[in-house]
Amino acid sequence: MGRLKRQLLQPDIIKVKVKYFLYDEQKRRSVCQIELSNRKTCSVSVATKNPTNLKNHLKNHHRAEYEDLMSREAEETAAKKQRMQAGIVAAKCY
């Protein structure tokens, strides 16, 4: 179960982390890289690289980026579901 859980979370971690955060291996913390209106970066340090923690930071402090992320995730989920259904239909034809 641990391996499966890691595989399912990995794309989620990458998606959030690469676009909005840098992970510091030594401190084991992710640092927010979102540029603020005063041309500085947020630089808030979030515990670990857990996607839920990262998303919660976006939700609470960067609403526009959070909503963008959620809409992209919804689109990806719908596309994945559609591909899976197409595969099931194709399998039933044989």
Protein backbone atom coordinates (compact mmCIF):
# COMPACT_ATOMS: atom_id res chain seq x y z
CA MET A 1 0.00 0.00 0.00
CA GLY A 2 2.85 2.40 0.79
CA ARG A 3 4.31 2.09 -2.70
CA LEU A 4 0.93 2.62 -4.36
CA LYS A 5 0.24 5.66 -2.21
CA ARG A 6 3.61 7.17 -3.16
CA GLN A 7 2.95 6.56 -6.85
CA LEU A 8 -0.46 8.21 -6.66
CA LEU A 9 0.84 11.25 -4.78
CA GLN A 10 4.02 11.79 -6.78
CA PRO A 11 2.42 13.63 -9.75
CA ASP A 12 0.45 15.76 -7.29
CA ILE A 13 3.61 16.72 -5.42
CA ILE A 14 5.44 17.58 -8.61
CA LYS A 15 2.56 19.65 -9.96
CA VAL A 16 2.27 21.84 -6.88
CA LYS A 17 5.94 21.90 -5.94
CA VAL A 18 7.48 22.75 -9.29
CA LYS A 19 5.19 25.62 -10.11
CA TYR A 20 4.94 27.31 -6.71
CA PHE A 21 7.51 25.91 -4.28
CA LEU A 22 11.18 25.03 -3.91
CA TYR A 23 12.01 22.12 -1.60
CA ASP A 24 14.98 22.47 0.76
CA GLU A 25 16.32 18.94 1.38
CA GLN A 26 18.41 19.94 4.40
CA LYS A 27 15.60 21.72 6.23
CA ARG A 28 12.93 19.39 4.83
CA ARG A 29 10.70 22.34 4.09
CA SER A 30 9.14 23.82 0.96
CA VAL A 31 9.54 27.55 0.35
CA CYS A 32 6.80 29.43 -1.49
CA GLN A 33 8.09 31.15 -4.63
CA ILE A 34 4.98 33.12 -5.58
CA GLU A 35 5.79 36.69 -6.51
CA LEU A 36 3.85 39.25 -4.49
CA SER A 37 2.64 42.63 -5.71
CA ASN A 38 5.73 44.38 -4.28
CA ARG A 39 8.04 42.23 -6.49
CA LYS A 40 9.17 40.11 -3.55
CA THR A 41 8.49 36.41 -3.23
CA CYS A 42 6.24 35.08 -0.49
CA SER A 43 9.09 32.92 0.93
CA VAL A 44 6.87 31.26 3.54
CA SER A 45 8.33 27.95 4.63
CA VAL A 46 5.84 25.04 4.64
CA ALA A 47 6.55 21.80 6.51
CA THR A 48 7.73 18.98 4.23
CA LYS A 49 6.63 18.56 0.62
CA ASN A 50 3.23 17.13 1.41
CA PRO A 51 0.84 18.27 -1.35
CA THR A 52 -1.96 18.90 1.16
CA ASN A 53 0.19 21.31 3.17
CA LEU A 54 1.28 23.08 0.00
CA LYS A 55 -2.28 23.35 -1.31
CA ASN A 56 -3.49 24.66 2.06
CA HIS A 57 -0.88 27.42 1.92
CA LEU A 58 -2.07 28.37 -1.56
CA LYS A 59 -5.71 28.24 -0.48
CA ASN A 60 -5.13 30.45 2.54
CA HIS A 61 -2.63 32.95 1.10
CA HIS A 62 -2.73 32.85 -2.71
CA ARG A 63 -6.35 32.29 -3.74
CA ALA A 64 -5.88 32.94 -7.48
CA GLU A 65 -3.05 30.41 -7.76
CA TYR A 66 -5.04 27.90 -5.71
CA GLU A 67 -8.09 28.25 -7.96
CA ASP A 68 -5.88 27.88 -11.04
CA LEU A 69 -4.38 24.69 -9.62
CA MET A 70 -7.80 23.26 -8.73
CA SER A 71 -9.22 23.98 -12.20
CA ARG A 72 -6.19 22.33 -13.85
CA GLU A 73 -6.55 19.31 -11.57
CA ALA A 74 -10.26 19.05 -12.41
CA GLU A 75 -9.46 19.15 -16.14
CA GLU A 76 -6.78 16.49 -15.75
CA THR A 77 -9.10 14.27 -13.71
CA ALA A 78 -11.86 14.59 -16.32
CA ALA A 79 -9.42 13.79 -19.13
CA LYS A 80 -8.06 10.78 -17.24
CA LYS A 81 -11.58 9.52 -16.56
CA GLN A 82 -12.47 9.92 -20.23
CA ARG A 83 -9.35 8.00 -21.30
CA MET A 84 -10.15 5.22 -18.84
CA GLN A 85 -13.74 4.98 -20.10
CA ALA A 86 -12.52 4.88 -23.70
CA GLY A 87 -10.16 2.04 -22.75
CA ILE A 88 -12.98 0.11 -21.11
CA VAL A 89 -15.20 0.56 -24.17
CA ALA A 90 -12.36 -0.55 -26.46
CA ALA A 91 -11.75 -3.61 -24.28
CA LYS A 92 -15.43 -4.60 -24.44
CA CYS A 93 -15.34 -4.52 -28.25
CA TYR A 94 -12.85 -7.41 -28.38
